[in-house]
Amino acid sequence: MGICDFDLRFIFVVMGWPGSVHDMRVFSDVRNKYGYKFPHPPPGKFYLVDSGYPNRPGYLSPYKGTKYHLPEYRNGPMPRGKKEMFNHAHSFLRNVIERSFGVLKMK
C-alpha cells in the first residue's frame, strides 16, 4: 500500500501483502497496525482511492458503473454528466500514484 503526494513522493508505504488480497483488507490491517503512524488526511482534504475502497470522510472513490479509466476517454466522446466528469477528473488525478510507482520501479 502506498500513499503519495502530487509531487510523486511517497509519504507512507507498507509492503508485504500479495497482490491478490483485497484493497480494503490491506487498508483495514494497515490502519490497525500503524494507526499512530498512518497519515490520515487532514480535515477538509481527501485521499483519492480506487473503487476497491468505500467513500468515507477523507477518502474519495470513483462512481461505480460509470466510465472511469483515461483510455476510455481518449478515442471516445468526452465525459458527459456529473458522474463521468467526476470520474474523469478522479482518474486523471489518481494517475499520480500510478506514475509514482512507475518512477520507483525504474530506480
C-alpha atoms as a PDB file:
ATOM      1  CA  MET A   1       0.000   0.000   0.000  1.00  0.00           C
ATOM      2  CA  GLY A   2       1.358   3.390  -0.891  1.00  0.00           C
ATOM      3  CA  ILE A   3       0.286   6.973  -0.353  1.00  0.00           C
ATOM      4  CA  CYS A   4       1.959   9.712  -2.347  1.00  0.00           C
ATOM      5  CA  ASP A   5       1.654  13.443  -2.788  1.00  0.00           C
ATOM      6  CA  PHE A   6       1.222  15.281  -6.085  1.00  0.00           C
ATOM      7  CA  ASP A   7       5.000  15.694  -6.362  1.00  0.00           C
ATOM      8  CA  LEU A   8       5.277  11.888  -6.842  1.00  0.00           C
ATOM      9  CA  ARG A   9       6.802  11.481  -3.365  1.00  0.00           C
ATOM     10  CA  PHE A  10       5.697   8.561  -1.252  1.00  0.00           C
ATOM     11  CA  ILE A  11       4.610   9.709   2.186  1.00  0.00           C
ATOM     12  CA  PHE A  12       3.602   6.279   3.502  1.00  0.00           C
ATOM     13  CA  VAL A  13       4.377   2.745   2.299  1.00  0.00           C
ATOM     14  CA  VAL A  14       3.617  -0.712   3.661  1.00  0.00           C
ATOM     15  CA  MET A  15       4.855  -3.757   1.750  1.00  0.00           C
ATOM     16  CA  GLY A  16       4.429  -7.474   2.066  1.00  0.00           C
ATOM     17  CA  TRP A  17       0.861  -8.144   1.001  1.00  0.00           C
ATOM     18  CA  PRO A  18       0.241 -10.403  -2.003  1.00  0.00           C
ATOM     19  CA  GLY A  19      -1.443  -8.672  -4.929  1.00  0.00           C
ATOM     20  CA  SER A  20      -4.430 -10.994  -4.634  1.00  0.00           C
ATOM     21  CA  VAL A  21      -5.505  -9.538  -1.268  1.00  0.00           C
ATOM     22  CA  HIS A  22      -8.446  -7.129  -1.480  1.00  0.00           C
ATOM     23  CA  ASP A  23      -7.505  -3.461  -1.083  1.00  0.00           C
ATOM     24  CA  MET A  24      -9.902  -2.928   1.804  1.00  0.00           C
ATOM     25  CA  ARG A  25      -8.357  -5.785   3.786  1.00  0.00           C
ATOM     26  CA  VAL A  26      -4.910  -4.261   3.402  1.00  0.00           C
ATOM     27  CA  PHE A  27      -6.239  -0.817   4.285  1.00  0.00           C
ATOM     28  CA  SER A  28      -8.002  -2.058   7.431  1.00  0.00           C
ATOM     29  CA  ASP A  29      -4.962  -4.009   8.576  1.00  0.00           C
ATOM     30  CA  VAL A  30      -2.612  -1.088   7.955  1.00  0.00           C
ATOM     31  CA  ARG A  31      -4.855   1.300   9.883  1.00  0.00           C
ATOM     32  CA  ASN A  32      -4.989  -1.159  12.797  1.00  0.00           C
ATOM     33  CA  LYS A  33      -1.261  -1.938  12.881  1.00  0.00           C
ATOM     34  CA  TYR A  34       0.099   1.502  12.013  1.00  0.00           C
ATOM     35  CA  GLY A  35      -2.740   3.743  13.185  1.00  0.00           C
ATOM     36  CA  TYR A  36      -0.395   6.003  15.118  1.00  0.00           C
ATOM     37  CA  LYS A  37       1.825   6.459  12.033  1.00  0.00           C
ATOM     38  CA  PHE A  38      -0.851   6.354   9.357  1.00  0.00           C
ATOM     39  CA  PRO A  39      -1.115   9.794   7.724  1.00  0.00           C
ATOM     40  CA  HIS A  40      -4.864  10.377   7.797  1.00  0.00           C
ATOM     41  CA  PRO A  41      -5.993  13.195   5.526  1.00  0.00           C
ATOM     42  CA  PRO A  42      -6.320  16.492   7.385  1.00  0.00           C
ATOM     43  CA  PRO A  43      -9.826  17.922   7.822  1.00  0.00           C
ATOM     44  CA  GLY A  44     -11.183  19.234   4.540  1.00  0.00           C
ATOM     45  CA  LYS A  45      -8.664  17.212   2.488  1.00  0.00           C
ATOM     46  CA  PHE A  46      -9.104  13.865   0.770  1.00  0.00           C
ATOM     47  CA  TYR A  47      -7.171  10.882  -0.473  1.00  0.00           C
ATOM     48  CA  LEU A  48      -8.254   9.717  -3.899  1.00  0.00           C
ATOM     49  CA  VAL A  49      -8.753   5.968  -3.660  1.00  0.00           C
ATOM     50  CA  ASP A  50      -9.709   3.388  -6.231  1.00  0.00           C
ATOM     51  CA  SER A  51     -13.037   1.627  -6.431  1.00  0.00           C
ATOM     52  CA  GLY A  52     -11.886  -1.082  -4.016  1.00  0.00           C
ATOM     53  CA  TYR A  53     -12.398   1.382  -1.165  1.00  0.00           C
ATOM     54  CA  PRO A  54     -15.633   2.858   0.141  1.00  0.00           C
ATOM     55  CA  ASN A  55     -16.338   6.562   0.247  1.00  0.00           C
ATOM     56  CA  ARG A  56     -15.831   7.753   3.788  1.00  0.00           C
ATOM     57  CA  PRO A  57     -14.710  11.012   5.378  1.00  0.00           C
ATOM     58  CA  GLY A  58     -11.321  11.898   3.930  1.00  0.00           C
ATOM     59  CA  TYR A  59     -11.430   9.271   1.149  1.00  0.00           C
ATOM     60  CA  LEU A  60     -12.970   9.714  -2.300  1.00  0.00           C
ATOM     61  CA  SER A  61     -13.540   6.776  -4.609  1.00  0.00           C
ATOM     62  CA  PRO A  62     -14.942   6.979  -8.140  1.00  0.00           C
ATOM     63  CA  TYR A  63     -18.552   6.336  -9.056  1.00  0.00           C
ATOM     64  CA  LYS A  64     -19.088   2.662  -9.773  1.00  0.00           C
ATOM     65  CA  GLY A  65     -20.735   1.611 -13.013  1.00  0.00           C
ATOM     66  CA  THR A  66     -19.582   4.805 -14.735  1.00  0.00           C
ATOM     67  CA  LYS A  67     -16.773   5.219 -17.253  1.00  0.00           C
ATOM     68  CA  TYR A  68     -13.539   5.795 -15.343  1.00  0.00           C
ATOM     69  CA  HIS A  69     -10.164   4.957 -16.889  1.00  0.00           C
ATOM     70  CA  LEU A  70      -8.445   7.602 -19.014  1.00  0.00           C
ATOM     71  CA  PRO A  71      -8.054   5.349 -22.099  1.00  0.00           C
ATOM     72  CA  GLU A  72     -11.849   5.047 -22.218  1.00  0.00           C
ATOM     73  CA  TYR A  73     -11.991   8.777 -22.968  1.00  0.00           C
ATOM     74  CA  ARG A  74      -9.127   9.022 -25.453  1.00  0.00           C
ATOM     75  CA  ASN A  75     -10.884   7.777 -28.576  1.00  0.00           C
ATOM     76  CA  GLY A  76     -14.446   8.273 -27.466  1.00  0.00           C
ATOM     77  CA  PRO A  77     -16.684  11.124 -26.502  1.00  0.00           C
ATOM     78  CA  MET A  78     -15.688  13.497 -23.752  1.00  0.00           C
ATOM     79  CA  PRO A  79     -17.195  12.911 -20.304  1.00  0.00           C
ATOM     80  CA  ARG A  80     -20.904  13.598 -20.054  1.00  0.00           C
ATOM     81  CA  GLY A  81     -22.799  14.267 -16.881  1.00  0.00           C
ATOM     82  CA  LYS A  82     -21.623  14.873 -13.346  1.00  0.00           C
ATOM     83  CA  LYS A  83     -20.554  11.302 -12.610  1.00  0.00           C
ATOM     84  CA  GLU A  84     -18.425  10.932 -15.735  1.00  0.00           C
ATOM     85  CA  MET A  85     -16.902  14.379 -15.188  1.00  0.00           C
ATOM     86  CA  PHE A  86     -16.032  13.453 -11.606  1.00  0.00           C
ATOM     87  CA  ASN A  87     -14.611  10.070 -12.619  1.00  0.00           C
ATOM     88  CA  HIS A  88     -12.534  11.629 -15.396  1.00  0.00           C
ATOM     89  CA  ALA A  89     -11.012  14.175 -13.004  1.00  0.00           C
ATOM     90  CA  HIS A  90     -10.543  11.481 -10.342  1.00  0.00           C
ATOM     91  CA  SER A  91      -8.772   9.169 -12.794  1.00  0.00           C
ATOM     92  CA  PHE A  92      -6.566  11.985 -14.052  1.00  0.00           C
ATOM     93  CA  LEU A  93      -5.520  12.965 -10.524  1.00  0.00           C
ATOM     94  CA  ARG A  94      -5.195   9.422  -9.194  1.00  0.00           C
ATOM     95  CA  ASN A  95      -2.836   8.703 -12.057  1.00  0.00           C
ATOM     96  CA  VAL A  96      -0.173  10.367  -9.874  1.00  0.00           C
ATOM     97  CA  ILE A  97       0.133   7.230  -7.732  1.00  0.00           C
ATOM     98  CA  GLU A  98       0.495   5.081 -10.847  1.00  0.00           C
ATOM     99  CA  ARG A  99       3.267   7.356 -12.121  1.00  0.00           C
ATOM    100  CA  SER A 100       4.917   7.307  -8.681  1.00  0.00           C
ATOM    101  CA  PHE A 101       5.097   3.524  -8.730  1.00  0.00           C
ATOM    102  CA  GLY A 102       6.410   3.686 -12.298  1.00  0.00           C
ATOM    103  CA  VAL A 103       9.202   6.060 -11.257  1.00  0.00           C
ATOM    104  CA  LEU A 104      10.021   3.852  -8.266  1.00  0.00           C
ATOM    105  CA  LYS A 105      10.268   0.739 -10.438  1.00  0.00           C
ATOM    106  CA  MET A 106      12.709   2.496 -12.791  1.00  0.00           C
ATOM    107  CA  LYS A 107      15.228   3.062  -9.980  1.00  0.00           C
END
